[in-house]
PDB file of all heavy atoms in Angstrom:
ATOM      1  N   GLN A   1      71.800  41.221  99.805  1.00  0.00           N
ATOM      2  CA  GLN A   1      70.798  40.296  99.293  1.00  0.00           C
ATOM      3  C   GLN A   1      70.268  39.343 100.413  1.00  0.00           C
ATOM      4  O   GLN A   1      69.078  39.042 100.439  1.00  0.00           O
ATOM      5  CB  GLN A   1      71.406  39.497  98.132  1.00  0.00           C
ATOM      6  CG  GLN A   1      71.704  40.264  96.844  1.00  0.00           C
ATOM      7  CD  GLN A   1      72.403  39.466  95.851  1.00  0.00           C
ATOM      8  OE1 GLN A   1      73.218  38.653  96.172  1.00  0.00           O
ATOM      9  NE2 GLN A   1      72.102  39.689  94.570  1.00  0.00           N
ATOM     10  N   ALA A   2      71.158  38.964 101.269  1.00  0.00           N
ATOM     11  CA  ALA A   2      70.718  38.014 102.392  1.00  0.00           C
ATOM     12  C   ALA A   2      69.757  38.728 103.290  1.00  0.00           C
ATOM     13  O   ALA A   2      68.988  38.082 103.952  1.00  0.00           O
ATOM     14  CB  ALA A   2      71.956  37.550 103.103  1.00  0.00           C
ATOM     15  N   LYS A   3      69.822  40.079 103.343  1.00  0.00           N
ATOM     16  CA  LYS A   3      68.920  40.838 104.169  1.00  0.00           C
ATOM     17  C   LYS A   3      67.651  41.272 103.472  1.00  0.00           C
ATOM     18  O   LYS A   3      66.876  42.008 104.019  1.00  0.00           O
ATOM     19  CB  LYS A   3      69.680  42.122 104.690  1.00  0.00           C
ATOM     20  CG  LYS A   3      70.791  41.791 105.641  1.00  0.00           C
ATOM     21  CD  LYS A   3      71.568  43.023 106.041  1.00  0.00           C
ATOM     22  CE  LYS A   3      72.735  42.694 106.935  1.00  0.00           C
ATOM     23  NZ  LYS A   3      73.485  43.912 107.360  1.00  0.00           N
ATOM     24  N   GLY A   4      67.484  40.759 102.303  1.00  0.00           N
ATOM     25  CA  GLY A   4      66.256  41.015 101.591  1.00  0.00           C
ATOM     26  C   GLY A   4      66.287  42.061 100.494  1.00  0.00           C
ATOM     27  O   GLY A   4      65.228  42.415  99.934  1.00  0.00           O
ATOM     28  N   VAL A   5      67.470  42.649 100.289  1.00  0.00           N
ATOM     29  CA  VAL A   5      67.603  43.643  99.260  1.00  0.00           C
ATOM     30  C   VAL A   5      67.988  42.875  97.980  1.00  0.00           C
ATOM     31  O   VAL A   5      69.130  42.445  97.776  1.00  0.00           O
ATOM     32  CB  VAL A   5      68.681  44.622  99.621  1.00  0.00           C
ATOM     33  CG1 VAL A   5      68.786  45.752  98.516  1.00  0.00           C
ATOM     34  CG2 VAL A   5      68.376  45.345 100.976  1.00  0.00           C
ATOM     35  N   THR A   6      67.074  42.709  97.037  1.00  0.00           N
ATOM     36  CA  THR A   6      67.288  41.782  95.960  1.00  0.00           C
ATOM     37  C   THR A   6      67.316  42.450  94.528  1.00  0.00           C
ATOM     38  O   THR A   6      68.081  41.959  93.687  1.00  0.00           O
ATOM     39  CB  THR A   6      66.184  40.669  95.940  1.00  0.00           C
ATOM     40  OG1 THR A   6      64.904  41.293  95.850  1.00  0.00           O
ATOM     41  CG2 THR A   6      66.251  39.805  97.199  1.00  0.00           C
ATOM     42  N   THR A   7      66.560  43.507  94.344  1.00  0.00           N
ATOM     43  CA  THR A   7      66.569  44.044  92.962  1.00  0.00           C
ATOM     44  C   THR A   7      67.829  44.873  92.762  1.00  0.00           C
ATOM     45  O   THR A   7      68.387  45.406  93.715  1.00  0.00           O
ATOM     46  CB  THR A   7      65.306  44.946  92.750  1.00  0.00           C
ATOM     47  OG1 THR A   7      65.405  46.113  93.583  1.00  0.00           O
ATOM     48  CG2 THR A   7      64.054  44.163  93.054  1.00  0.00           C
ATOM     49  N   THR A   8      68.204  45.026  91.508  1.00  0.00           N
ATOM     50  CA  THR A   8      69.446  45.795  91.249  1.00  0.00           C
ATOM     51  C   THR A   8      69.205  47.341  91.604  1.00  0.00           C
ATOM     52  O   THR A   8      70.157  47.936  92.024  1.00  0.00           O
ATOM     53  CB  THR A   8      69.813  45.739  89.753  1.00  0.00           C
ATOM     54  OG1 THR A   8      68.718  46.119  88.940  1.00  0.00           O
ATOM     55  CG2 THR A   8      70.231  44.233  89.401  1.00  0.00           C
ATOM     56  N   ARG A   9      68.068  47.768  91.447  1.00  0.00           N
ATOM     57  CA  ARG A   9      67.757  49.148  91.822  1.00  0.00           C
ATOM     58  C   ARG A   9      67.930  49.364  93.366  1.00  0.00           C
ATOM     59  O   ARG A   9      68.554  50.288  93.803  1.00  0.00           O
ATOM     60  CB  ARG A   9      66.398  49.600  91.358  1.00  0.00           C
ATOM     61  CG  ARG A   9      66.068  51.082  91.704  1.00  0.00           C
ATOM     62  CD  ARG A   9      64.690  51.474  91.116  1.00  0.00           C
ATOM     63  NE  ARG A   9      64.722  51.402  89.697  1.00  0.00           N
ATOM     64  CZ  ARG A   9      65.223  52.327  88.883  1.00  0.00           C
ATOM     65  NH1 ARG A   9      65.771  53.419  89.407  1.00  0.00           N
ATOM     66  NH2 ARG A   9      65.199  52.181  87.608  1.00  0.00           N
ATOM     67  N   ALA A  10      67.317  48.446  94.160  1.00  0.00           N
ATOM     68  CA  ALA A  10      67.417  48.528  95.570  1.00  0.00           C
ATOM     69  C   ALA A  10      68.882  48.375  96.033  1.00  0.00           C
ATOM     70  O   ALA A  10      69.290  49.021  96.966  1.00  0.00           O
ATOM     71  CB  ALA A  10      66.531  47.434  96.192  1.00  0.00           C
ATOM     72  N   LEU A  11      69.607  47.477  95.404  1.00  0.00           N
ATOM     73  CA  LEU A  11      70.972  47.232  95.756  1.00  0.00           C
ATOM     74  C   LEU A  11      71.801  48.491  95.495  1.00  0.00           C
ATOM     75  O   LEU A  11      72.700  48.890  96.275  1.00  0.00           O
ATOM     76  CB  LEU A  11      71.537  46.104  94.972  1.00  0.00           C
ATOM     77  CG  LEU A  11      71.073  44.695  95.395  1.00  0.00           C
ATOM     78  CD1 LEU A  11      71.514  43.666  94.346  1.00  0.00           C
ATOM     79  CD2 LEU A  11      71.673  44.309  96.722  1.00  0.00           C
ATOM     80  N   ALA A  12      71.542  49.133  94.326  1.00  0.00           N
ATOM     81  CA  ALA A  12      72.290  50.375  93.963  1.00  0.00           C
ATOM     82  C   ALA A  12      72.047  51.483  95.041  1.00  0.00           C
ATOM     83  O   ALA A  12      72.893  52.179  95.511  1.00  0.00           O
ATOM     84  CB  ALA A  12      71.800  50.867  92.629  1.00  0.00           C
ATOM     85  N   GLU A  13      70.754  51.607  95.443  1.00  0.00           N
ATOM     86  CA  GLU A  13      70.415  52.595  96.469  1.00  0.00           C
ATOM     87  C   GLU A  13      71.086  52.316  97.797  1.00  0.00           C
ATOM     88  O   GLU A  13      71.543  53.220  98.441  1.00  0.00           O
ATOM     89  CB  GLU A  13      68.853  52.650  96.634  1.00  0.00           C
ATOM     90  CG  GLU A  13      68.144  53.191  95.405  1.00  0.00           C
ATOM     91  CD  GLU A  13      66.646  53.117  95.562  1.00  0.00           C
ATOM     92  OE1 GLU A  13      66.142  52.424  96.500  1.00  0.00           O
ATOM     93  OE2 GLU A  13      65.901  53.599  94.642  1.00  0.00           O
ATOM     94  N   ALA A  14      71.135  51.021  98.121  1.00  0.00           N
ATOM     95  CA  ALA A  14      71.741  50.649  99.429  1.00  0.00           C
ATOM     96  C   ALA A  14      73.240  50.931  99.384  1.00  0.00           C
ATOM     97  O   ALA A  14      73.790  51.357 100.425  1.00  0.00           O
ATOM     98  CB  ALA A  14      71.485  49.139  99.662  1.00  0.00           C
ATOM     99  N   LEU A  15      73.918  50.633  98.299  1.00  0.00           N
ATOM    100  CA  LEU A  15      75.352  50.898  98.187  1.00  0.00           C
ATOM    101  C   LEU A  15      75.641  52.386  98.270  1.00  0.00           C
ATOM    102  O   LEU A  15      76.553  52.784  98.964  1.00  0.00           O
ATOM    103  CB  LEU A  15      75.886  50.337  96.854  1.00  0.00           C
ATOM    104  CG  LEU A  15      75.939  48.804  96.794  1.00  0.00           C
ATOM    105  CD1 LEU A  15      76.227  48.304  95.394  1.00  0.00           C
ATOM    106  CD2 LEU A  15      77.037  48.248  97.815  1.00  0.00           C
ATOM    107  N   ASN A  16      74.822  53.176  97.559  1.00  0.00           N
ATOM    108  CA  ASN A  16      75.002  54.621  97.622  1.00  0.00           C
ATOM    109  C   ASN A  16      74.738  55.148  99.062  1.00  0.00           C
ATOM    110  O   ASN A  16      75.473  56.049  99.523  1.00  0.00           O
ATOM    111  CB  ASN A  16      74.000  55.298  96.663  1.00  0.00           C
ATOM    112  CG  ASN A  16      74.400  55.103  95.219  1.00  0.00           C
ATOM    113  OD1 ASN A  16      75.546  54.920  94.916  1.00  0.00           O
ATOM    114  ND2 ASN A  16      73.410  55.031  94.329  1.00  0.00           N
ATOM    115  N   ALA A  17      73.759  54.546  99.774  1.00  0.00           N
ATOM    116  CA  ALA A  17      73.487  54.986 101.143  1.00  0.00           C
ATOM    117  C   ALA A  17      74.620  54.704 102.104  1.00  0.00           C
ATOM    118  O   ALA A  17      74.863  55.424 103.031  1.00  0.00           O
ATOM    119  CB  ALA A  17      72.211  54.307 101.606  1.00  0.00           C
ATOM    120  N   ARG A  18      75.387  53.655 101.787  1.00  0.00           N
ATOM    121  CA  ARG A  18      76.532  53.265 102.605  1.00  0.00           C
ATOM    122  C   ARG A  18      77.762  54.072 102.242  1.00  0.00           C
ATOM    123  O   ARG A  18      78.780  53.964 102.953  1.00  0.00           O
ATOM    124  CB  ARG A  18      76.791  51.758 102.460  1.00  0.00           C
ATOM    125  CG  ARG A  18      75.836  50.840 103.014  1.00  0.00           C
ATOM    126  CD  ARG A  18      76.311  49.403 103.041  1.00  0.00           C
ATOM    127  NE  ARG A  18      75.355  48.528 103.694  1.00  0.00           N
ATOM    128  CZ  ARG A  18      75.741  47.305 104.065  1.00  0.00           C
ATOM    129  NH1 ARG A  18      76.921  46.856 103.931  1.00  0.00           N
ATOM    130  NH2 ARG A  18      74.793  46.544 104.668  1.00  0.00           N
ATOM    131  N   GLY A  19      77.652  54.916 101.236  1.00  0.00           N
ATOM    132  CA  GLY A  19      78.863  55.726 100.854  1.00  0.00           C
ATOM    133  C   GLY A  19      79.844  55.013 100.004  1.00  0.00           C
ATOM    134  O   GLY A  19      81.005  55.462  99.896  1.00  0.00           O
ATOM    135  N   ILE A  20      79.471  53.841  99.485  1.00  0.00           N
ATOM    136  CA  ILE A  20      80.436  53.026  98.665  1.00  0.00           C
ATOM    137  C   ILE A  20      80.316  53.521  97.227  1.00  0.00           C
ATOM    138  O   ILE A  20      79.196  53.648  96.699  1.00  0.00           O
ATOM    139  CB  ILE A  20      80.048  51.504  98.783  1.00  0.00           C
ATOM    140  CG1 ILE A  20      80.295  51.077 100.239  1.00  0.00           C
ATOM    141  CG2 ILE A  20      80.986  50.747  97.845  1.00  0.00           C
ATOM    142  CD1 ILE A  20      79.809  49.627 100.459  1.00  0.00           C
ATOM    143  N   ARG A  21      81.457  53.746  96.590  1.00  0.00           N
ATOM    144  CA  ARG A  21      81.494  54.245  95.210  1.00  0.00           C
ATOM    145  C   ARG A  21      81.790  53.143  94.227  1.00  0.00           C
ATOM    146  O   ARG A  21      82.271  52.076  94.632  1.00  0.00           O
ATOM    147  CB  ARG A  21      82.538  55.374  95.077  1.00  0.00           C
ATOM    148  CG  ARG A  21      82.216  56.570  95.955  1.00  0.00           C
ATOM    149  CD  ARG A  21      80.993  57.237  95.479  1.00  0.00           C
ATOM    150  NE  ARG A  21      80.693  58.457  96.224  1.00  0.00           N
ATOM    151  CZ  ARG A  21      79.607  59.221  96.027  1.00  0.00           C
ATOM    152  NH1 ARG A  21      78.765  58.920  95.028  1.00  0.00           N
ATOM    153  NH2 ARG A  21      79.393  60.317  96.758  1.00  0.00           N
ATOM    154  N   THR A  22      81.499  53.394  93.001  1.00  0.00           N
ATOM    155  CA  THR A  22      81.882  52.411  91.948  1.00  0.00           C
ATOM    156  C   THR A  22      83.374  52.438  91.676  1.00  0.00           C
ATOM    157  O   THR A  22      84.050  53.283  92.253  1.00  0.00           O
ATOM    158  CB  THR A  22      81.082  52.742  90.669  1.00  0.00           C
ATOM    159  OG1 THR A  22      81.540  54.010  90.164  1.00  0.00           O
ATOM    160  CG2 THR A  22      79.546  52.802  90.921  1.00  0.00           C
ATOM    161  N   ALA A  23      83.799  51.576  90.756  1.00  0.00           N
ATOM    162  CA  ALA A  23      85.229  51.489  90.476  1.00  0.00           C
ATOM    163  C   ALA A  23      85.691  52.778  89.882  1.00  0.00           C
ATOM    164  O   ALA A  23      86.934  53.126  90.054  1.00  0.00           O
ATOM    165  CB  ALA A  23      85.458  50.347  89.490  1.00  0.00           C
ATOM    166  N   ARG A  24      84.872  53.552  89.318  1.00  0.00           N
ATOM    167  CA  ARG A  24      85.287  54.906  88.738  1.00  0.00           C
ATOM    168  C   ARG A  24      84.928  56.000  89.695  1.00  0.00           C
ATOM    169  O   ARG A  24      85.087  57.220  89.355  1.00  0.00           O
ATOM    170  CB  ARG A  24      84.513  55.079  87.390  1.00  0.00           C
ATOM    171  CG  ARG A  24      84.941  54.121  86.362  1.00  0.00           C
ATOM    172  CD  ARG A  24      84.330  54.450  85.037  1.00  0.00           C
ATOM    173  NE  ARG A  24      84.735  53.511  83.942  1.00  0.00           N
ATOM    174  CZ  ARG A  24      84.401  53.652  82.665  1.00  0.00           C
ATOM    175  NH1 ARG A  24      83.515  54.584  82.325  1.00  0.00           N
ATOM    176  NH2 ARG A  24      84.818  52.748  81.768  1.00  0.00           N
ATOM    177  N   GLY A  25      84.568  55.727  90.868  1.00  0.00           N
ATOM    178  CA  GLY A  25      84.294  56.772  91.915  1.00  0.00           C
ATOM    179  C   GLY A  25      82.923  57.396  91.786  1.00  0.00           C
ATOM    180  O   GLY A  25      82.768  58.429  92.443  1.00  0.00           O
ATOM    181  N   GLY A  26      82.034  56.839  91.039  1.00  0.00           N
ATOM    182  CA  GLY A  26      80.695  57.444  90.887  1.00  0.00           C
ATOM    183  C   GLY A  26      79.631  56.771  91.682  1.00  0.00           C
ATOM    184  O   GLY A  26      79.952  55.916  92.507  1.00  0.00           O
TER     185      GLY A  26
END
């Protein structure tokens, strides 16, 4: 968010791009 990624959709895409999974591994 501090880097300008503010919407939930953009945040989701950024987390997926980093290879970070959700609590359930998805």
